[in-house]
C-alpha atoms as a PDB file:
ATOM      1  CA  MET A   1     108.296  72.925 121.799  1.00  0.00           C
ATOM      2  CA  THR A   2     107.142  74.484 125.029  1.00  0.00           C
ATOM      3  CA  ARG A   3     105.303  77.790 125.166  1.00  0.00           C
ATOM      4  CA  ASP A   4     108.168  79.523 126.974  1.00  0.00           C
ATOM      5  CA  ARG A   5     110.675  78.316 124.411  1.00  0.00           C
ATOM      6  CA  TRP A   6     108.412  79.524 121.579  1.00  0.00           C
ATOM      7  CA  GLU A   7     108.057  82.946 123.198  1.00  0.00           C
ATOM      8  CA  GLU A   8     111.836  83.167 123.552  1.00  0.00           C
ATOM      9  CA  SER A   9     112.369  82.138 119.914  1.00  0.00           C
ATOM     10  CA  LYS A  10     109.708  84.546 118.701  1.00  0.00           C
ATOM     11  CA  GLN A  11     111.580  87.471 120.254  1.00  0.00           C
ATOM     12  CA  SER A  12     114.530  86.920 117.917  1.00  0.00           C
ATOM     13  CA  LEU A  13     112.543  86.092 114.762  1.00  0.00           C
ATOM     14  CA  HIS A  14     112.946  88.944 112.264  1.00  0.00           C
ATOM     15  CA  ILE A  15     111.837  88.735 108.644  1.00  0.00           C
ATOM     16  CA  ASN A  16     112.801  92.198 107.442  1.00  0.00           C
ATOM     17  CA  ASN A  17     115.008  95.126 108.416  1.00  0.00           C
ATOM     18  CA  GLN A  18     113.839  96.573 111.733  1.00  0.00           C
ATOM     19  CA  GLU A  19     114.274 100.212 110.700  1.00  0.00           C
ATOM     20  CA  ALA A  20     110.770 101.644 110.787  1.00  0.00           C
ATOM     21  CA  PRO A  21     109.722 103.758 107.795  1.00  0.00           C
ATOM     22  CA  ASP A  22     108.573 107.326 108.285  1.00  0.00           C
ATOM     23  CA  LYS A  23     104.941 107.113 109.468  1.00  0.00           C
ATOM     24  CA  ASP A  24     104.206 110.634 108.175  1.00  0.00           C
ATOM     25  CA  ASP A  25     104.857 109.463 104.611  1.00  0.00           C
ATOM     26  CA  PRO A  26     101.460 108.792 102.926  1.00  0.00           C
ATOM     27  CA  GLU A  27     102.922 105.837 101.020  1.00  0.00           C
ATOM     28  CA  CYS A  28     104.368 104.225 104.151  1.00  0.00           C
ATOM     29  CA  ASP A  29     104.030 100.425 104.039  1.00  0.00           C
ATOM     30  CA  ARG A  30     102.323  99.363 107.266  1.00  0.00           C
ATOM     31  CA  LEU A  31     103.220  95.721 106.553  1.00  0.00           C
ATOM     32  CA  TYR A  32     106.950  96.360 106.086  1.00  0.00           C
ATOM     33  CA  LYS A  33     107.970  93.788 108.706  1.00  0.00           C
ATOM     34  CA  VAL A  34     106.324  90.874 106.880  1.00  0.00           C
ATOM     35  CA  ARG A  35     106.420  92.239 103.306  1.00  0.00           C
ATOM     36  CA  PRO A  36     109.058  89.721 102.048  1.00  0.00           C
ATOM     37  CA  VAL A  37     106.906  86.781 103.177  1.00  0.00           C
ATOM     38  CA  LEU A  38     103.743  88.291 101.677  1.00  0.00           C
ATOM     39  CA  ASP A  39     105.502  88.999  98.371  1.00  0.00           C
ATOM     40  CA  HIS A  40     106.785  85.417  98.220  1.00  0.00           C
ATOM     41  CA  LEU A  41     103.294  84.003  98.875  1.00  0.00           C
ATOM     42  CA  VAL A  42     101.753  86.236  96.198  1.00  0.00           C
ATOM     43  CA  ALA A  43     104.444  85.172  93.708  1.00  0.00           C
ATOM     44  CA  LYS A  44     103.651  81.505  94.386  1.00  0.00           C
ATOM     45  CA  CYS A  45      99.902  82.154  94.023  1.00  0.00           C
ATOM     46  CA  ARG A  46     100.478  83.803  90.639  1.00  0.00           C
ATOM     47  CA  GLU A  47     102.187  80.642  89.344  1.00  0.00           C
ATOM     48  CA  LEU A  48      98.952  78.636  89.596  1.00  0.00           C
ATOM     49  CA  PRO A  49      97.136  77.905  86.318  1.00  0.00           C
ATOM     50  CA  LYS A  50      94.193  80.300  86.086  1.00  0.00           C
ATOM     51  CA  SER A  51      90.566  79.484  85.440  1.00  0.00           C
ATOM     52  CA  GLN A  52      88.613  81.582  82.921  1.00  0.00           C
ATOM     53  CA  LYS A  53      86.079  82.700  85.549  1.00  0.00           C
ATOM     54  CA  LEU A  54      87.487  84.832  88.367  1.00  0.00           C
ATOM     55  CA  CYS A  55      85.767  86.547  91.275  1.00  0.00           C
ATOM     56  CA  VAL A  56      87.198  89.523  93.186  1.00  0.00           C
ATOM     57  CA  ASP A  57      86.034  89.510  96.788  1.00  0.00           C
ATOM     58  CA  GLU A  58      87.088  90.233 100.344  1.00  0.00           C
ATOM     59  CA  GLN A  59      88.166  87.648 102.891  1.00  0.00           C
ATOM     60  CA  LEU A  60      88.008  88.315 106.612  1.00  0.00           C
ATOM     61  CA  VAL A  61      90.588  86.836 108.973  1.00  0.00           C
ATOM     62  CA  PRO A  62      89.362  87.051 112.591  1.00  0.00           C
ATOM     63  CA  PHE A  63      91.900  88.498 115.016  1.00  0.00           C
ATOM     64  CA  LYS A  64      91.603  89.247 118.731  1.00  0.00           C
ATOM     65  CA  GLY A  65      95.018  90.774 119.390  1.00  0.00           C
ATOM     66  CA  ARG A  66      96.249  94.332 119.038  1.00  0.00           C
ATOM     67  CA  SER A  67      96.924  95.643 115.572  1.00  0.00           C
ATOM     68  CA  SER A  68      96.392  98.888 113.724  1.00  0.00           C
ATOM     69  CA  LEU A  69      95.491  96.890 110.601  1.00  0.00           C
ATOM     70  CA  LYS A  70      92.394  95.153 111.933  1.00  0.00           C
ATOM     71  CA  GLN A  71      89.008  96.473 110.894  1.00  0.00           C
ATOM     72  CA  TYR A  72      85.797  96.772 112.900  1.00  0.00           C
ATOM     73  CA  LEU A  73      82.897  95.438 110.845  1.00  0.00           C
ATOM     74  CA  LEU A  74      79.583  95.895 112.611  1.00  0.00           C
ATOM     75  CA  ASN A  75      77.440  93.560 110.475  1.00  0.00           C
ATOM     76  CA  LYS A  76      79.826  90.592 110.486  1.00  0.00           C
ATOM     77  CA  PRO A  77      79.820  87.657 112.944  1.00  0.00           C
ATOM     78  CA  LYS A  78      83.471  88.293 113.840  1.00  0.00           C
ATOM     79  CA  LYS A  79      83.553  92.045 114.461  1.00  0.00           C
ATOM     80  CA  TRP A  80      87.342  92.551 114.538  1.00  0.00           C
ATOM     81  CA  SER A  81      89.336  91.052 111.693  1.00  0.00           C
ATOM     82  CA  TYR A  82      91.955  91.635 109.048  1.00  0.00           C
ATOM     83  CA  LYS A  83      90.483  92.326 105.633  1.00  0.00           C
ATOM     84  CA  LEU A  84      92.076  90.753 102.563  1.00  0.00           C
ATOM     85  CA  PHE A  85      91.121  91.299  98.945  1.00  0.00           C
ATOM     86  CA  LEU A  86      91.708  88.469  96.502  1.00  0.00           C
ATOM     87  CA  PRO A  87      90.786  87.157  93.071  1.00  0.00           C
ATOM     88  CA  CYS A  88      89.769  83.508  93.147  1.00  0.00           C
ATOM     89  CA  ASP A  89      88.153  80.978  90.826  1.00  0.00           C
ATOM     90  CA  GLU A  90      85.015  78.895  91.278  1.00  0.00           C
ATOM     91  CA  CYS A  91      87.006  76.225  93.154  1.00  0.00           C
ATOM     92  CA  GLY A  92      88.273  78.767  95.705  1.00  0.00           C
ATOM     93  CA  LEU A  93      91.900  78.966  94.526  1.00  0.00           C
ATOM     94  CA  MET A  94      93.314  82.438  95.048  1.00  0.00           C
ATOM     95  CA  TYR A  95      95.743  83.930  92.548  1.00  0.00           C
ATOM     96  CA  LYS A  96      96.817  87.000  94.487  1.00  0.00           C
ATOM     97  CA  PHE A  97      95.922  88.649  97.759  1.00  0.00           C
ATOM     98  CA  GLU A  98      96.344  92.000  99.378  1.00  0.00           C
ATOM     99  CA  VAL A  99      95.963  92.896 103.039  1.00  0.00           C
ATOM    100  CA  TYR A 100      93.843  96.022 103.443  1.00  0.00           C
ATOM    101  CA  PRO A 101      96.070  98.592 105.194  1.00  0.00           C
ATOM    102  CA  GLY A 102      93.299 101.125 105.804  1.00  0.00           C
ATOM    103  CA  LYS A 103      93.819 103.118 102.605  1.00  0.00           C
ATOM    104  CA  ILE A 104      93.819 102.082  98.953  1.00  0.00           C
ATOM    105  CA  LEU A 105      95.988 104.136  96.608  1.00  0.00           C
ATOM    106  CA  PRO A 106      95.284 104.246  92.853  1.00  0.00           C
ATOM    107  CA  GLN A 107      96.977 101.631  90.689  1.00  0.00           C
ATOM    108  CA  PRO A 108      99.801 103.236  88.638  1.00  0.00           C
ATOM    109  CA  GLY A 109      98.822 103.394  84.977  1.00  0.00           C
ATOM    110  CA  PHE A 110      95.085 103.153  85.702  1.00  0.00           C
ATOM    111  CA  PRO A 111      92.503 105.881  86.382  1.00  0.00           C
ATOM    112  CA  ASP A 112      91.465 106.593  89.970  1.00  0.00           C
ATOM    113  CA  ILE A 113      87.857 105.320  90.069  1.00  0.00           C
ATOM    114  CA  GLY A 114      87.285 105.053  93.799  1.00  0.00           C
ATOM    115  CA  ILE A 115      88.257 102.497  96.420  1.00  0.00           C
ATOM    116  CA  SER A 116      86.166  99.590  95.084  1.00  0.00           C
ATOM    117  CA  GLY A 117      87.197 100.238  91.488  1.00  0.00           C
ATOM    118  CA  ASN A 118      90.876 100.505  92.410  1.00  0.00           C
ATOM    119  CA  ILE A 119      90.680  97.158  94.229  1.00  0.00           C
ATOM    120  CA  VAL A 120      89.082  95.454  91.215  1.00  0.00           C
ATOM    121  CA  LEU A 121      91.751  96.908  88.895  1.00  0.00           C
ATOM    122  CA  ARG A 122      94.551  95.713  91.185  1.00  0.00           C
ATOM    123  CA  MET A 123      93.120  92.234  91.630  1.00  0.00           C
ATOM    124  CA  GLY A 124      92.239  91.931  87.942  1.00  0.00           C
ATOM    125  CA  SER A 125      95.872  92.520  87.023  1.00  0.00           C
ATOM    126  CA  VAL A 126      96.553  88.777  87.481  1.00  0.00           C
ATOM    127  CA  THR A 127      94.875  88.065  84.133  1.00  0.00           C
ATOM    128  CA  PRO A 128      96.879  88.277  80.900  1.00  0.00           C
ATOM    129  CA  ARG A 129      95.841  91.220  78.713  1.00  0.00           C
ATOM    130  CA  ASP A 130      95.536  89.285  75.445  1.00  0.00           C
ATOM    131  CA  LEU A 131      93.164  86.550  76.714  1.00  0.00           C
ATOM    132  CA  ASN A 132      89.478  86.726  77.583  1.00  0.00           C
ATOM    133  CA  TYR A 133      88.505  86.187  81.211  1.00  0.00           C
ATOM    134  CA  ASN A 134      85.207  86.661  83.025  1.00  0.00           C
ATOM    135  CA  LEU A 135      85.752  88.826  86.096  1.00  0.00           C
ATOM    136  CA  TYR A 136      82.931  88.902  88.655  1.00  0.00           C
ATOM    137  CA  PHE A 137      82.649  91.307  91.578  1.00  0.00           C
ATOM    138  CA  ASP A 138      80.043  92.884  93.824  1.00  0.00           C
ATOM    139  CA  ASN A 139      79.957  96.262  95.534  1.00  0.00           C
END
């Protein structure tokens, strides 16, 4: 496929309804255009058999284009990137992921314990409640 044909096809590629949500709403989903694809990928990741040892960490995806979701990280080799949070096992398999939209809201049903704590609670929700898992995380 040629570049021009791809650009033409990309113009008509729509994954979700194009009606923009109200940006003044504090719970506005900034990823609404690709949310169905992200939800499908997360659902497929959750179907994987889980290891007993899980690590919650961030993953950086370098990006040079324009986006309000990219983060500037001074101490990283790639300064501008998307930030993802994910629980993974010692082999590197991820069981869920979440793109950092710039603000982390508390998980419903859990106490608000700060940004880092809220992320760990959200990512740790992939483990069944009645089984013992080792969950590792850093600051």
